PDB file of N, CA and C in Angstrom:
ATOM      1  N   MET A   1     100.351-218.365 100.931  1.00  0.00           N
ATOM      2  CA  MET A   1     100.812-219.664  99.923  1.00  0.00           C
ATOM      3  C   MET A   1     102.615-218.968 100.284  1.00  0.00           C
ATOM      4  N   LYS A   2     103.240-220.310 100.869  1.00  0.00           N
ATOM      5  CA  LYS A   2     104.656-220.257 100.891  1.00  0.00           C
ATOM      6  C   LYS A   2     105.183-220.692  99.567  1.00  0.00           C
ATOM      7  N   LEU A   3     106.284-219.856  99.090  1.00  0.00           N
ATOM      8  CA  LEU A   3     106.744-219.709  97.877  1.00  0.00           C
ATOM      9  C   LEU A   3     108.001-220.786  98.323  1.00  0.00           C
ATOM     10  N   LYS A   4     107.970-221.505  96.847  1.00  0.00           N
ATOM     11  CA  LYS A   4     108.944-222.709  96.582  1.00  0.00           C
ATOM     12  C   LYS A   4     110.217-222.148  96.562  1.00  0.00           C
ATOM     13  N   GLN A   5     111.476-222.030  96.874  1.00  0.00           N
ATOM     14  CA  GLN A   5     112.572-221.643  96.893  1.00  0.00           C
ATOM     15  C   GLN A   5     113.525-222.510  97.114  1.00  0.00           C
ATOM     16  N   PHE A   6     114.184-223.336  96.518  1.00  0.00           N
ATOM     17  CA  PHE A   6     115.141-224.373  96.550  1.00  0.00           C
ATOM     18  C   PHE A   6     116.421-224.359  95.766  1.00  0.00           C
ATOM     19  N   ILE A   7     117.566-225.082  96.243  1.00  0.00           N
ATOM     20  CA  ILE A   7     119.070-224.969  95.450  1.00  0.00           C
ATOM     21  C   ILE A   7     119.279-226.265  95.504  1.00  0.00           C
ATOM     22  N   LEU A   8     119.227-226.885  94.226  1.00  0.00           N
ATOM     23  CA  LEU A   8     119.529-228.422  93.948  1.00  0.00           C
ATOM     24  C   LEU A   8     121.056-228.231  93.751  1.00  0.00           C
ATOM     25  N   LEU A   9     121.743-229.093  94.817  1.00  0.00           N
ATOM     26  CA  LEU A   9     123.243-229.647  94.584  1.00  0.00           C
ATOM     27  C   LEU A   9     123.415-230.909  94.508  1.00  0.00           C
ATOM     28  N   GLY A  10     124.438-231.538  93.877  1.00  0.00           N
ATOM     29  CA  GLY A  10     124.815-232.494  93.649  1.00  0.00           C
ATOM     30  C   GLY A  10     126.157-232.616  92.855  1.00  0.00           C
ATOM     31  N   PRO A  11     126.702-233.670  92.732  1.00  0.00           N
ATOM     32  CA  PRO A  11     128.329-234.132  92.193  1.00  0.00           C
ATOM     33  C   PRO A  11     127.816-234.415  90.640  1.00  0.00           C
ATOM     34  N   PRO A  12     128.586-233.762  89.905  1.00  0.00           N
ATOM     35  CA  PRO A  12     128.331-234.277  88.274  1.00  0.00           C
ATOM     36  C   PRO A  12     127.742-235.941  88.314  1.00  0.00           C
ATOM     37  N   GLY A  13     127.046-235.449  87.371  1.00  0.00           N
ATOM     38  CA  GLY A  13     126.263-237.310  86.842  1.00  0.00           C
ATOM     39  C   GLY A  13     125.185-237.462  87.787  1.00  0.00           C
ATOM     40  N   VAL A  14     124.835-236.696  88.595  1.00  0.00           N
ATOM     41  CA  VAL A  14     123.876-237.072  89.627  1.00  0.00           C
ATOM     42  C   VAL A  14     122.682-236.447  89.152  1.00  0.00           C
ATOM     43  N   GLY A  15     122.233-235.521  88.361  1.00  0.00           N
ATOM     44  CA  GLY A  15     121.168-235.508  87.228  1.00  0.00           C
ATOM     45  C   GLY A  15     120.430-234.418  88.190  1.00  0.00           C
ATOM     46  N   VAL A  16     121.297-233.182  88.406  1.00  0.00           N
ATOM     47  CA  VAL A  16     120.716-232.155  89.175  1.00  0.00           C
ATOM     48  C   VAL A  16     120.002-231.389  88.170  1.00  0.00           C
ATOM     49  N   GLU A  17     120.509-231.401  87.022  1.00  0.00           N
ATOM     50  CA  GLU A  17     119.462-230.435  85.697  1.00  0.00           C
ATOM     51  C   GLU A  17     118.160-230.946  85.657  1.00  0.00           C
ATOM     52  N   LYS A  18     118.376-232.436  85.598  1.00  0.00           N
ATOM     53  CA  LYS A  18     117.199-233.232  85.020  1.00  0.00           C
ATOM     54  C   LYS A  18     116.339-232.850  85.902  1.00  0.00           C
ATOM     55  N   GLN A  19     116.758-233.197  87.523  1.00  0.00           N
ATOM     56  CA  GLN A  19     115.735-233.059  88.501  1.00  0.00           C
ATOM     57  C   GLN A  19     114.951-231.641  88.726  1.00  0.00           C
ATOM     58  N   ALA A  20     115.689-230.463  88.718  1.00  0.00           N
ATOM     59  CA  ALA A  20     115.092-229.410  88.649  1.00  0.00           C
ATOM     60  C   ALA A  20     114.570-229.016  87.557  1.00  0.00           C
ATOM     61  N   ILE A  21     114.672-229.606  86.385  1.00  0.00           N
ATOM     62  CA  ILE A  21     113.791-229.123  85.358  1.00  0.00           C
ATOM     63  C   ILE A  21     112.660-229.928  85.764  1.00  0.00           C
ATOM     64  N   ALA A  22     112.284-230.809  85.961  1.00  0.00           N
ATOM     65  CA  ALA A  22     110.878-231.781  86.308  1.00  0.00           C
ATOM     66  C   ALA A  22     110.376-231.418  87.573  1.00  0.00           C
ATOM     67  N   VAL A  23     110.939-230.672  88.749  1.00  0.00           N
ATOM     68  CA  VAL A  23     110.147-229.802  89.713  1.00  0.00           C
ATOM     69  C   VAL A  23     109.916-229.064  89.513  1.00  0.00           C
ATOM     70  N   ALA A  24     110.482-227.771  88.746  1.00  0.00           N
ATOM     71  CA  ALA A  24     109.944-226.650  88.473  1.00  0.00           C
ATOM     72  C   ALA A  24     108.814-226.671  87.193  1.00  0.00           C
ATOM     73  N   GLU A  25     108.704-227.909  86.383  1.00  0.00           N
ATOM     74  CA  GLU A  25     107.927-227.917  85.522  1.00  0.00           C
ATOM     75  C   GLU A  25     106.400-228.487  86.391  1.00  0.00           C
ATOM     76  N   ARG A  26     106.577-229.285  87.513  1.00  0.00           N
ATOM     77  CA  ARG A  26     105.626-229.556  88.077  1.00  0.00           C
ATOM     78  C   ARG A  26     104.870-228.725  89.221  1.00  0.00           C
ATOM     79  N   TRP A  27     105.621-227.880  89.749  1.00  0.00           N
ATOM     80  CA  TRP A  27     105.540-226.788  90.427  1.00  0.00           C
ATOM     81  C   TRP A  27     105.099-225.575  89.876  1.00  0.00           C
ATOM     82  N   CYS A  28     105.294-225.320  88.496  1.00  0.00           N
ATOM     83  CA  CYS A  28     105.542-224.219  87.793  1.00  0.00           C
ATOM     84  C   CYS A  28     106.082-223.165  88.639  1.00  0.00           C
ATOM     85  N   VAL A  29     107.146-223.257  88.646  1.00  0.00           N
ATOM     86  CA  VAL A  29     108.196-222.020  88.977  1.00  0.00           C
ATOM     87  C   VAL A  29     109.348-222.366  88.086  1.00  0.00           C
ATOM     88  N   PRO A  30     109.849-221.124  88.120  1.00  0.00           N
ATOM     89  CA  PRO A  30     111.370-220.943  86.695  1.00  0.00           C
ATOM     90  C   PRO A  30     112.554-221.898  87.544  1.00  0.00           C
ATOM     91  N   HIS A  31     113.057-222.598  86.581  1.00  0.00           N
ATOM     92  CA  HIS A  31     113.973-223.200  86.861  1.00  0.00           C
ATOM     93  C   HIS A  31     115.309-222.153  86.512  1.00  0.00           C
ATOM     94  N   VAL A  32     116.390-221.899  87.308  1.00  0.00           N
ATOM     95  CA  VAL A  32     117.150-220.775  87.310  1.00  0.00           C
ATOM     96  C   VAL A  32     118.617-221.699  87.078  1.00  0.00           C
ATOM     97  N   SER A  33     119.668-221.437  85.950  1.00  0.00           N
ATOM     98  CA  SER A  33     120.869-222.447  85.740  1.00  0.00           C
ATOM     99  C   SER A  33     121.372-221.251  85.863  1.00  0.00           C
ATOM    100  N   THR A  34     122.700-221.358  86.376  1.00  0.00           N
ATOM    101  CA  THR A  34     123.708-220.110  86.417  1.00  0.00           C
ATOM    102  C   THR A  34     124.531-220.447  85.253  1.00  0.00           C
ATOM    103  N   GLY A  35     124.608-221.772  84.866  1.00  0.00           N
ATOM    104  CA  GLY A  35     125.426-222.040  83.550  1.00  0.00           C
ATOM    105  C   GLY A  35     124.888-221.488  82.406  1.00  0.00           C
ATOM    106  N   GLN A  36     123.446-221.404  82.380  1.00  0.00           N
ATOM    107  CA  GLN A  36     122.388-221.004  81.420  1.00  0.00           C
ATOM    108  C   GLN A  36     122.577-219.462  81.336  1.00  0.00           C
ATOM    109  N   LEU A  37     122.304-219.121  82.759  1.00  0.00           N
ATOM    110  CA  LEU A  37     122.685-217.327  82.192  1.00  0.00           C
ATOM    111  C   LEU A  37     123.892-217.020  82.012  1.00  0.00           C
ATOM    112  N   ILE A  38     124.975-217.556  82.210  1.00  0.00           N
ATOM    113  CA  ILE A  38     126.418-217.224  82.135  1.00  0.00           C
ATOM    114  C   ILE A  38     126.438-217.036  80.382  1.00  0.00           C
ATOM    115  N   ARG A  39     125.710-218.587  79.789  1.00  0.00           N
ATOM    116  CA  ARG A  39     125.862-218.949  78.166  1.00  0.00           C
ATOM    117  C   ARG A  39     125.276-217.685  77.721  1.00  0.00           C
ATOM    118  N   GLU A  40     124.010-217.628  78.003  1.00  0.00           N
ATOM    119  CA  GLU A  40     123.016-216.425  77.541  1.00  0.00           C
ATOM    120  C   GLU A  40     123.904-214.838  77.862  1.00  0.00           C
ATOM    121  N   ALA A  41     124.575-214.521  78.619  1.00  0.00           N
ATOM    122  CA  ALA A  41     125.197-213.152  78.726  1.00  0.00           C
ATOM    123  C   ALA A  41     126.100-213.048  77.971  1.00  0.00           C
ATOM    124  N   VAL A  42     126.874-214.311  77.997  1.00  0.00           N
ATOM    125  CA  VAL A  42     128.143-214.350  76.762  1.00  0.00           C
ATOM    126  C   VAL A  42     127.572-214.092  75.341  1.00  0.00           C
ATOM    127  N   ASP A  43     126.286-214.998  75.045  1.00  0.00           N
ATOM    128  CA  ASP A  43     125.802-215.084  73.687  1.00  0.00           C
ATOM    129  C   ASP A  43     125.246-213.481  73.191  1.00  0.00           C
ATOM    130  N   GLN A  44     124.734-212.873  74.040  1.00  0.00           N
ATOM    131  CA  GLN A  44     124.325-211.543  74.125  1.00  0.00           C
ATOM    132  C   GLN A  44     125.025-210.433  74.200  1.00  0.00           C
ATOM    133  N   ALA A  45     126.313-210.780  74.274  1.00  0.00           N
ATOM    134  CA  ALA A  45     127.130-209.844  74.564  1.00  0.00           C
ATOM    135  C   ALA A  45     126.719-208.539  75.542  1.00  0.00           C
ATOM    136  N   SER A  46     126.193-209.238  76.575  1.00  0.00           N
ATOM    137  CA  SER A  46     125.692-207.978  77.632  1.00  0.00           C
ATOM    138  C   SER A  46     126.702-207.580  78.497  1.00  0.00           C
ATOM    139  N   ASP A  47     126.948-206.512  79.547  1.00  0.00           N
ATOM    140  CA  ASP A  47     128.239-206.116  79.945  1.00  0.00           C
ATOM    141  C   ASP A  47     128.642-206.920  81.006  1.00  0.00           C
ATOM    142  N   ILE A  48     127.571-208.163  81.360  1.00  0.00           N
ATOM    143  CA  ILE A  48     128.454-209.217  82.359  1.00  0.00           C
ATOM    144  C   ILE A  48     129.185-210.314  81.375  1.00  0.00           C
ATOM    145  N   GLY A  49     128.163-210.403  80.178  1.00  0.00           N
ATOM    146  CA  GLY A  49     128.757-211.331  79.344  1.00  0.00           C
ATOM    147  C   GLY A  49     129.945-211.113  78.556  1.00  0.00           C
ATOM    148  N   VAL A  50     130.243-209.901  78.301  1.00  0.00           N
ATOM    149  CA  VAL A  50     131.324-209.436  78.144  1.00  0.00           C
ATOM    150  C   VAL A  50     132.487-209.752  78.691  1.00  0.00           C
ATOM    151  N   GLU A  51     132.763-209.677  79.854  1.00  0.00           N
ATOM    152  CA  GLU A  51     132.963-209.773  80.954  1.00  0.00           C
ATOM    153  C   GLU A  51     133.800-210.915  81.405  1.00  0.00           C
ATOM    154  N   ALA A  52     132.552-211.838  81.557  1.00  0.00           N
ATOM    155  CA  ALA A  52     132.802-213.380  81.525  1.00  0.00           C
ATOM    156  C   ALA A  52     133.209-214.560  80.426  1.00  0.00           C
ATOM    157  N   ARG A  53     133.075-213.627  79.062  1.00  0.00           N
ATOM    158  CA  ARG A  53     133.834-214.361  78.269  1.00  0.00           C
ATOM    159  C   ARG A  53     135.305-215.002  78.289  1.00  0.00           C
ATOM    160  N   SER A  54     135.818-214.399  78.504  1.00  0.00           N
ATOM    161  CA  SER A  54     137.371-214.795  78.717  1.00  0.00           C
ATOM    162  C   SER A  54     137.423-215.869  79.941  1.00  0.00           C
ATOM    163  N   TYR A  55     136.525-215.812  80.850  1.00  0.00           N
ATOM    164  CA  TYR A  55     136.788-217.162  81.788  1.00  0.00           C
ATOM    165  C   TYR A  55     135.978-218.239  80.895  1.00  0.00           C
ATOM    166  N   VAL A  56     134.977-218.167  80.595  1.00  0.00           N
ATOM    167  CA  VAL A  56     134.239-219.225  79.689  1.00  0.00           C
ATOM    168  C   VAL A  56     135.076-219.999  78.857  1.00  0.00           C
ATOM    169  N   GLU A  57     135.999-219.048  78.018  1.00  0.00           N
ATOM    170  CA  GLU A  57     136.462-219.520  76.807  1.00  0.00           C
ATOM    171  C   GLU A  57     137.674-220.144  77.230  1.00  0.00           C
ATOM    172  N   ALA A  58     138.236-219.705  78.646  1.00  0.00           N
ATOM    173  CA  ALA A  58     139.565-220.338  79.302  1.00  0.00           C
ATOM    174  C   ALA A  58     138.838-221.704  79.995  1.00  0.00           C
ATOM    175  N   GLY A  59     137.687-221.807  80.300  1.00  0.00           N
ATOM    176  CA  GLY A  59     137.297-223.129  80.957  1.00  0.00           C
ATOM    177  C   GLY A  59     137.554-222.768  82.728  1.00  0.00           C
ATOM    178  N   THR A  60     137.379-221.685  83.206  1.00  0.00           N
ATOM    179  CA  THR A  60     137.819-221.489  84.472  1.00  0.00           C
ATOM    180  C   THR A  60     136.363-220.727  85.189  1.00  0.00           C
ATOM    181  N   LEU A  61     136.078-220.991  86.186  1.00  0.00           N
ATOM    182  CA  LEU A  61     134.986-220.261  87.014  1.00  0.00           C
ATOM    183  C   LEU A  61     135.066-218.765  86.709  1.00  0.00           C
ATOM    184  N   VAL A  62     133.773-218.333  86.742  1.00  0.00           N
ATOM    185  CA  VAL A  62     133.329-216.824  86.270  1.00  0.00           C
ATOM    186  C   VAL A  62     133.790-216.474  87.832  1.00  0.00           C
ATOM    187  N   PRO A  63     134.121-215.448  87.832  1.00  0.00           N
ATOM    188  CA  PRO A  63     134.399-214.586  89.568  1.00  0.00           C
ATOM    189  C   PRO A  63     133.416-214.594  90.146  1.00  0.00           C
ATOM    190  N   ASP A  64     132.923-214.784  91.542  1.00  0.00           N
ATOM    191  CA  ASP A  64     131.840-214.792  92.320  1.00  0.00           C
ATOM    192  C   ASP A  64     131.273-213.021  91.847  1.00  0.00           C
ATOM    193  N   THR A  65     131.867-212.207  91.437  1.00  0.00           N
ATOM    194  CA  THR A  65     131.108-210.821  91.501  1.00  0.00           C
ATOM    195  C   THR A  65     130.368-210.800  90.295  1.00  0.00           C
ATOM    196  N   LEU A  66     130.550-211.526  89.289  1.00  0.00           N
ATOM    197  CA  LEU A  66     129.938-211.313  87.852  1.00  0.00           C
ATOM    198  C   LEU A  66     128.781-212.424  88.225  1.00  0.00           C
ATOM    199  N   VAL A  67     129.219-213.629  88.881  1.00  0.00           N
ATOM    200  CA  VAL A  67     128.019-214.682  89.049  1.00  0.00           C
ATOM    201  C   VAL A  67     126.750-213.882  90.131  1.00  0.00           C
ATOM    202  N   MET A  68     127.277-213.499  91.008  1.00  0.00           N
ATOM    203  CA  MET A  68     126.151-212.635  91.935  1.00  0.00           C
ATOM    204  C   MET A  68     125.356-211.310  90.876  1.00  0.00           C
ATOM    205  N   LYS A  69     126.153-210.702  90.178  1.00  0.00           N
ATOM    206  CA  LYS A  69     125.403-209.969  89.126  1.00  0.00           C
ATOM    207  C   LYS A  69     123.933-210.531  88.462  1.00  0.00           C
ATOM    208  N   LEU A  70     124.876-211.791  87.794  1.00  0.00           N
ATOM    209  CA  LEU A  70     123.671-212.357  87.267  1.00  0.00           C
ATOM    210  C   LEU A  70     122.630-212.763  88.044  1.00  0.00           C
ATOM    211  N   ILE A  71     122.667-213.641  89.102  1.00  0.00           N
ATOM    212  CA  ILE A  71     121.959-213.967  89.857  1.00  0.00           C
ATOM    213  C   ILE A  71     120.879-212.952  90.451  1.00  0.00           C
ATOM    214  N   LYS A  72     121.182-211.602  90.738  1.00  0.00           N
ATOM    215  CA  LYS A  72     120.635-210.649  91.461  1.00  0.00           C
ATOM    216  C   LYS A  72     119.785-210.061  90.277  1.00  0.00           C
ATOM    217  N   ARG A  73     120.126-209.835  88.704  1.00  0.00           N
ATOM    218  CA  ARG A  73     119.463-209.472  87.748  1.00  0.00           C
ATOM    219  C   ARG A  73     118.024-210.385  87.571  1.00  0.00           C
ATOM    220  N   ARG A  74     118.557-211.896  87.667  1.00  0.00           N
ATOM    221  CA  ARG A  74     117.570-212.768  87.173  1.00  0.00           C
ATOM    222  C   ARG A  74     116.560-212.805  88.385  1.00  0.00           C
ATOM    223  N   PHE A  75     117.050-212.826  89.644  1.00  0.00           N
ATOM    224  CA  PHE A  75     116.024-212.823  90.663  1.00  0.00           C
ATOM    225  C   PHE A  75     115.284-211.641  90.918  1.00  0.00           C
ATOM    226  N   GLU A  76     115.509-210.453  90.566  1.00  0.00           N
ATOM    227  CA  GLU A  76     114.796-209.516  90.790  1.00  0.00           C
ATOM    228  C   GLU A  76     113.667-209.210  89.671  1.00  0.00           C
ATOM    229  N   GLN A  77     113.365-210.408  88.940  1.00  0.00           N
ATOM    230  CA  GLN A  77     112.302-210.622  87.796  1.00  0.00           C
ATOM    231  C   GLN A  77     111.104-210.867  88.308  1.00  0.00           C
ATOM    232  N   PRO A  78     109.922-210.486  88.053  1.00  0.00           N
ATOM    233  CA  PRO A  78     108.644-210.616  88.393  1.00  0.00           C
ATOM    234  C   PRO A  78     108.412-212.056  88.771  1.00  0.00           C
ATOM    235  N   ASP A  79     108.443-213.042  87.589  1.00  0.00           N
ATOM    236  CA  ASP A  79     108.299-214.376  88.036  1.00  0.00           C
ATOM    237  C   ASP A  79     108.877-215.154  89.014  1.00  0.00           C
ATOM    238  N   ILE A  80     110.312-214.560  89.333  1.00  0.00           N
ATOM    239  CA  ILE A  80     110.925-215.201  90.839  1.00  0.00           C
ATOM    240  C   ILE A  80     110.370-214.699  91.932  1.00  0.00           C
ATOM    241  N   MET A  81     109.964-213.419  91.964  1.00  0.00           N
ATOM    242  CA  MET A  81     109.663-212.875  93.156  1.00  0.00           C
ATOM    243  C   MET A  81     108.459-213.396  93.458  1.00  0.00           C
ATOM    244  N   LEU A  82     107.350-213.436  92.677  1.00  0.00           N
ATOM    245  CA  LEU A  82     105.954-214.242  92.665  1.00  0.00           C
ATOM    246  C   LEU A  82     105.749-215.452  92.939  1.00  0.00           C
ATOM    247  N   LYS A  83     106.281-216.541  91.771  1.00  0.00           N
ATOM    248  CA  LYS A  83     106.272-217.737  92.013  1.00  0.00           C
ATOM    249  C   LYS A  83     106.843-218.609  93.126  1.00  0.00           C
ATOM    250  N   GLY A  84     108.363-218.120  93.114  1.00  0.00           N
ATOM    251  CA  GLY A  84     109.568-218.987  93.627  1.00  0.00           C
ATOM    252  C   GLY A  84     110.485-219.437  92.710  1.00  0.00           C
ATOM    253  N   TRP A  85     111.340-220.630  93.152  1.00  0.00           N
ATOM    254  CA  TRP A  85     112.495-221.072  91.769  1.00  0.00           C
ATOM    255  C   TRP A  85     113.385-222.367  92.530  1.00  0.00           C
ATOM    256  N   ILE A  86     113.990-222.786  91.546  1.00  0.00           N
ATOM    257  CA  ILE A  86     115.071-223.836  91.726  1.00  0.00           C
ATOM    258  C   ILE A  86     116.121-223.331  90.917  1.00  0.00           C
ATOM    259  N   LEU A  87     116.909-223.332  91.444  1.00  0.00           N
ATOM    260  CA  LEU A  87     118.223-222.867  91.251  1.00  0.00           C
ATOM    261  C   LEU A  87     119.618-223.643  91.236  1.00  0.00           C
ATOM    262  N   THR A  88     120.010-224.073  90.141  1.00  0.00           N
ATOM    263  CA  THR A  88     121.216-225.127  89.809  1.00  0.00           C
ATOM    264  C   THR A  88     122.214-224.347  89.403  1.00  0.00           C
ATOM    265  N   GLY A  89     123.879-225.012  89.623  1.00  0.00           N
ATOM    266  CA  GLY A  89     124.775-224.595  89.290  1.00  0.00           C
ATOM    267  C   GLY A  89     125.413-223.504  90.140  1.00  0.00           C
ATOM    268  N   PHE A  90     124.728-223.422  91.587  1.00  0.00           N
ATOM    269  CA  PHE A  90     125.465-222.299  92.419  1.00  0.00           C
ATOM    270  C   PHE A  90     124.624-222.938  93.633  1.00  0.00           C
ATOM    271  N   PRO A  91     125.497-222.310  94.363  1.00  0.00           N
ATOM    272  CA  PRO A  91     126.854-221.900  94.729  1.00  0.00           C
ATOM    273  C   PRO A  91     128.100-222.965  94.375  1.00  0.00           C
ATOM    274  N   ARG A  92     129.038-222.124  93.667  1.00  0.00           N
ATOM    275  CA  ARG A  92     129.896-222.887  93.163  1.00  0.00           C
ATOM    276  C   ARG A  92     131.364-222.610  94.144  1.00  0.00           C
ATOM    277  N   THR A  93     131.128-221.476  95.272  1.00  0.00           N
ATOM    278  CA  THR A  93     132.386-221.358  95.912  1.00  0.00           C
ATOM    279  C   THR A  93     131.642-220.876  97.554  1.00  0.00           C
ATOM    280  N   LEU A  94     132.277-220.901  98.611  1.00  0.00           N
ATOM    281  CA  LEU A  94     131.554-220.567  99.516  1.00  0.00           C
ATOM    282  C   LEU A  94     131.424-218.665  99.654  1.00  0.00           C
ATOM    283  N   ALA A  95     132.228-217.728  99.065  1.00  0.00           N
ATOM    284  CA  ALA A  95     131.975-216.610  99.002  1.00  0.00           C
ATOM    285  C   ALA A  95     130.846-216.173  98.301  1.00  0.00           C
ATOM    286  N   GLN A  96     130.207-217.067  96.765  1.00  0.00           N
ATOM    287  CA  GLN A  96     129.006-217.063  96.056  1.00  0.00           C
ATOM    288  C   GLN A  96     128.125-217.317  97.338  1.00  0.00           C
ATOM    289  N   ALA A  97     128.089-217.977  98.061  1.00  0.00           N
ATOM    290  CA  ALA A  97     126.624-219.026  98.929  1.00  0.00           C
ATOM    291  C   ALA A  97     126.707-217.660 100.011  1.00  0.00           C
ATOM    292  N   GLN A  98     127.665-217.309 100.504  1.00  0.00           N
ATOM    293  CA  GLN A  98     127.653-216.066 101.940  1.00  0.00           C
ATOM    294  C   GLN A  98     127.058-214.932 101.231  1.00  0.00           C
ATOM    295  N   ALA A  99     127.487-214.611  99.845  1.00  0.00           N
ATOM    296  CA  ALA A  99     126.654-213.380  99.034  1.00  0.00           C
ATOM    297  C   ALA A  99     125.692-213.569  98.971  1.00  0.00           C
ATOM    298  N   PHE A 100     124.902-214.587  98.518  1.00  0.00           N
ATOM    299  CA  PHE A 100     123.678-215.171  98.227  1.00  0.00           C
ATOM    300  C   PHE A 100     122.935-215.016  99.456  1.00  0.00           C
ATOM    301  N   ASP A 101     123.011-215.576 100.362  1.00  0.00           N
ATOM    302  CA  ASP A 101     122.403-215.472 101.470  1.00  0.00           C
ATOM    303  C   ASP A 101     122.487-214.174 102.444  1.00  0.00           C
ATOM    304  N   GLU A 102     123.476-213.412 102.445  1.00  0.00           N
ATOM    305  CA  GLU A 102     123.263-212.300 102.720  1.00  0.00           C
ATOM    306  C   GLU A 102     122.326-211.392 101.944  1.00  0.00           C
ATOM    307  N   TRP A 103     122.510-211.117 100.562  1.00  0.00           N
ATOM    308  CA  TRP A 103     121.629-210.834  99.559  1.00  0.00           C
ATOM    309  C   TRP A 103     120.025-210.920  99.642  1.00  0.00           C
ATOM    310  N   TRP A 104     119.944-212.449  99.568  1.00  0.00           N
ATOM    311  CA  TRP A 104     118.530-212.804  99.537  1.00  0.00           C
ATOM    312  C   TRP A 104     117.681-212.272 100.759  1.00  0.00           C
ATOM    313  N   LEU A 105     118.159-212.624 101.775  1.00  0.00           N
ATOM    314  CA  LEU A 105     117.501-212.054 103.145  1.00  0.00           C
ATOM    315  C   LEU A 105     117.429-210.748 102.964  1.00  0.00           C
ATOM    316  N   THR A 106     117.774-209.950 102.460  1.00  0.00           N
ATOM    317  CA  THR A 106     117.452-208.581 102.359  1.00  0.00           C
ATOM    318  C   THR A 106     116.479-208.331 101.628  1.00  0.00           C
ATOM    319  N   VAL A 107     116.026-209.320 100.830  1.00  0.00           N
ATOM    320  CA  VAL A 107     114.849-209.333  99.653  1.00  0.00           C
ATOM    321  C   VAL A 107     113.786-210.161  99.951  1.00  0.00           C
ATOM    322  N   SER A 108     114.056-211.326 100.570  1.00  0.00           N
ATOM    323  CA  SER A 108     112.703-212.108 100.644  1.00  0.00           C
ATOM    324  C   SER A 108     112.849-212.077 102.491  1.00  0.00           C
ATOM    325  N   PRO A 109     111.418-212.459 103.197  1.00  0.00           N
ATOM    326  CA  PRO A 109     111.837-212.898 104.405  1.00  0.00           C
ATOM    327  C   PRO A 109     111.752-214.289 104.423  1.00  0.00           C
ATOM    328  N   ALA A 110     111.876-215.110 103.669  1.00  0.00           N
ATOM    329  CA  ALA A 110     111.871-216.723 103.683  1.00  0.00           C
ATOM    330  C   ALA A 110     113.388-216.986 103.326  1.00  0.00           C
ATOM    331  N   ALA A 111     114.034-217.832 104.280  1.00  0.00           N
ATOM    332  CA  ALA A 111     115.112-218.258 103.414  1.00  0.00           C
ATOM    333  C   ALA A 111     114.945-219.756 102.826  1.00  0.00           C
ATOM    334  N   SER A 112     115.946-220.043 101.867  1.00  0.00           N
ATOM    335  CA  SER A 112     115.811-221.064 100.620  1.00  0.00           C
ATOM    336  C   SER A 112     116.149-222.103 101.279  1.00  0.00           C
ATOM    337  N   THR A 113     115.876-223.216 100.733  1.00  0.00           N
ATOM    338  CA  THR A 113     116.135-224.491 101.200  1.00  0.00           C
ATOM    339  C   THR A 113     117.057-225.278  99.981  1.00  0.00           C
ATOM    340  N   ALA A 114     118.322-225.655 100.821  1.00  0.00           N
ATOM    341  CA  ALA A 114     119.310-226.192  99.917  1.00  0.00           C
ATOM    342  C   ALA A 114     119.007-228.153  99.812  1.00  0.00           C
ATOM    343  N   ILE A 115     118.738-228.870  98.719  1.00  0.00           N
ATOM    344  CA  ILE A 115     118.805-230.028  98.878  1.00  0.00           C
ATOM    345  C   ILE A 115     120.072-230.524  97.790  1.00  0.00           C
ATOM    346  N   HIS A 116     120.422-231.627  98.582  1.00  0.00           N
ATOM    347  CA  HIS A 116     121.732-232.164  97.793  1.00  0.00           C
ATOM    348  C   HIS A 116     121.203-233.575  97.330  1.00  0.00           C
ATOM    349  N   LEU A 117     121.418-233.783  96.018  1.00  0.00           N
ATOM    350  CA  LEU A 117     121.452-235.198  95.661  1.00  0.00           C
ATOM    351  C   LEU A 117     122.266-235.947  95.550  1.00  0.00           C
ATOM    352  N   LYS A 118     122.367-237.285  95.780  1.00  0.00           N
ATOM    353  CA  LYS A 118     123.193-238.179  95.955  1.00  0.00           C
ATOM    354  C   LYS A 118     122.706-239.280  95.206  1.00  0.00           C
ATOM    355  N   ALA A 119     123.862-240.085  94.409  1.00  0.00           N
ATOM    356  CA  ALA A 119     123.273-241.054  93.342  1.00  0.00           C
ATOM    357  C   ALA A 119     124.111-242.505  94.107  1.00  0.00           C
TER     358      ALA A 119
END
């Protein structure tokens, strides 16, 4: 069985999160929201959350290295590895896209699919 591995992209207001939630529920795969991962890390005062808090409070992008640490931690969980995933809020930068691509290809033989939503 081929795992469903999708990155949903789109401009603000197009409904990326809403579509991701609907698709994830239909396919029974986890929806991974980078924004939610960051909020949870900050709320839980995890090591990454402590580092990210100042960026979140300033309303600036969390550095690529911290975002990649969060993504890697989440994607190493069994539900992701066994079921597949729908990812939103990522990548925000070219560096994130390149880092994810390089890392994911070492973890999974299948490349992910990016979908760009337009309204």
